[in-house]
Protein backbone atom coordinates (compact mmCIF):
# COMPACT_ATOMS: atom_id res chain seq x y z
CA MET A 1 -5.73 6.29 -1.12
CA LEU A 2 -4.97 3.70 -3.81
CA GLU A 3 -8.02 4.81 -5.75
CA GLN A 4 -6.74 8.39 -5.68
CA GLU A 5 -3.35 7.33 -7.00
CA LEU A 6 -4.96 5.26 -9.72
CA GLU A 7 -7.21 8.16 -10.69
CA THR A 8 -4.23 10.53 -10.69
CA SER A 9 -2.28 8.11 -12.90
CA ARG A 10 -5.18 7.85 -15.31
CA LYS A 11 -5.51 11.63 -15.45
CA ASN A 12 -1.78 11.99 -16.09
CA ASN A 13 -2.00 9.43 -18.90
CA VAL A 14 -4.90 11.30 -20.51
CA ASP A 15 -3.01 14.60 -20.18
CA LEU A 16 0.10 13.07 -21.74
CA LEU A 17 -1.93 11.60 -24.61
CA ASN A 18 -3.51 15.01 -25.24
CA THR A 19 -0.06 16.63 -25.21
CA ILE A 20 1.21 14.10 -27.74
CA GLU A 21 -1.82 14.59 -29.97
CA GLU A 22 -1.37 18.37 -29.85
CA ALA A 23 2.32 18.01 -30.70
CA VAL A 24 1.51 15.75 -33.64
CA GLN A 25 -1.08 18.21 -34.95
CA LEU A 26 1.44 21.08 -34.76
CA VAL A 27 4.01 19.17 -36.78
CA ALA A 28 3.54 19.26 -40.55
CA PRO A 29 2.69 15.87 -42.14
CA GLU A 30 5.96 15.74 -44.08
CA GLN A 31 7.92 16.28 -40.86
CA VAL A 32 6.09 13.45 -39.09
CA GLU A 33 7.51 11.02 -41.59
CA SER A 34 11.06 12.20 -41.07
CA ASP A 35 13.36 9.87 -39.17
CA GLU A 36 14.21 12.50 -36.54
CA THR A 37 10.59 13.08 -35.53
CA VAL A 38 9.84 9.37 -35.44
CA ASN A 39 12.89 8.79 -33.25
CA ASP A 40 11.86 11.61 -30.91
CA MET A 41 8.37 10.15 -30.64
CA GLN A 42 9.79 6.70 -29.94
CA LYS A 43 11.99 8.13 -27.19
CA LYS A 44 9.05 9.98 -25.67
CA HIS A 45 6.96 6.80 -25.89
CA GLN A 46 9.69 4.81 -24.15
CA SER A 47 10.00 7.39 -21.38
CA LEU A 48 6.22 7.40 -20.91
CA MET A 49 6.18 3.61 -20.76
CA ALA A 50 9.01 3.66 -18.18
CA GLU A 51 7.09 6.20 -16.11
CA HIS A 52 3.97 4.05 -16.39
CA GLU A 53 5.89 0.97 -15.22
CA GLN A 54 7.33 2.90 -12.29
CA MET A 55 3.86 4.03 -11.23
CA LYS A 56 2.59 0.45 -11.47
CA LYS A 57 5.45 -0.78 -9.29
CA GLN A 58 4.74 1.91 -6.71
CA LEU A 59 1.08 0.97 -6.67
CA VAL A 60 1.91 -2.72 -6.24
CA SER A 61 4.36 -1.97 -3.44
CA LEU A 62 1.72 0.18 -1.73
CA VAL A 63 -0.80 -2.63 -1.92
CA SER A 64 1.68 -5.22 -0.66
CA SER A 65 2.85 -2.98 2.20
CA ASP A 66 -0.78 -2.44 3.18
CA ASP A 67 -1.24 -6.22 3.22
CA LYS A 68 1.79 -6.60 5.47
CA GLU A 69 0.51 -3.85 7.74
CA ILE A 70 -2.87 -5.59 7.99
CA GLU A 71 -1.15 -8.88 8.83
CA LEU A 72 0.94 -7.20 11.52
CA ARG A 73 -2.11 -5.51 13.01
CA SER A 74 -3.96 -8.81 13.06
CA GLU A 75 -1.04 -10.56 14.76
CA PHE A 76 -0.76 -7.70 17.28
CA ASN A 77 -4.46 -7.92 18.08
CA LYS A 78 -4.22 -11.69 18.59
CA LYS A 79 -1.24 -11.30 20.93
CA ASN A 80 -3.00 -8.50 22.78
CA LEU A 81 -6.07 -10.70 23.26
CA GLU A 82 -3.86 -13.55 24.47
CA LEU A 83 -2.19 -11.19 26.96
CA ASP A 84 -5.59 -10.08 28.30
CA ARG A 85 -6.65 -13.69 28.79
CA LEU A 86 -3.41 -14.50 30.61
CA GLN A 87 -3.82 -11.50 32.88
CA LEU A 88 -7.38 -12.54 33.74
CA SER A 89 -6.20 -16.07 34.47
CA PHE A 90 -3.43 -14.73 36.68
CA ILE A 91 -5.88 -12.52 38.61
CA ASP A 92 -8.20 -15.50 39.05
CA LEU A 93 -5.32 -17.61 40.38
CA GLU A 94 -4.28 -14.85 42.76
CA GLN A 95 -7.81 -14.64 44.14
CA LYS A 96 -7.93 -18.40 44.66
CA HIS A 97 -4.54 -18.31 46.37
CA ILE A 98 -5.66 -15.51 48.70
CA LYS A 99 -8.82 -17.46 49.60
CA LEU A 100 -6.76 -20.56 50.29
CA LEU A 101 -4.37 -18.59 52.50
CA SER A 102 -7.22 -16.99 54.42
CA LYS A 103 -8.81 -20.42 55.03
CA ASN A 104 -5.46 -21.78 56.26
CA ASN A 105 -5.13 -18.80 58.63
CA GLU A 106 -8.62 -19.41 60.00
CA ASN A 107 -7.83 -23.07 60.61
CA ASN A 108 -4.61 -22.24 62.49
């Protein structure tokens, strides 16, 4: 799942770079040097960088939540195993108690 998100992010980045390159090619060279176009490009760059940062944060949170989920599963499995052992011990004790009671009944 993380690989898919990473691949999607990479594809989006490539698409955005292609869009920017196409936009730059459509603009005449004298317009590229104008302050307005440069400012627009800087704004677009900043928004792309913000989007990139947001995607990175989402990816990191996904990874960390998966780590927490793995820890919780591990702890659950340990507790479940401990419960099984306790139940077996209890059954064993019950059997011994029943045997002891039956021997006491035979002796009486």
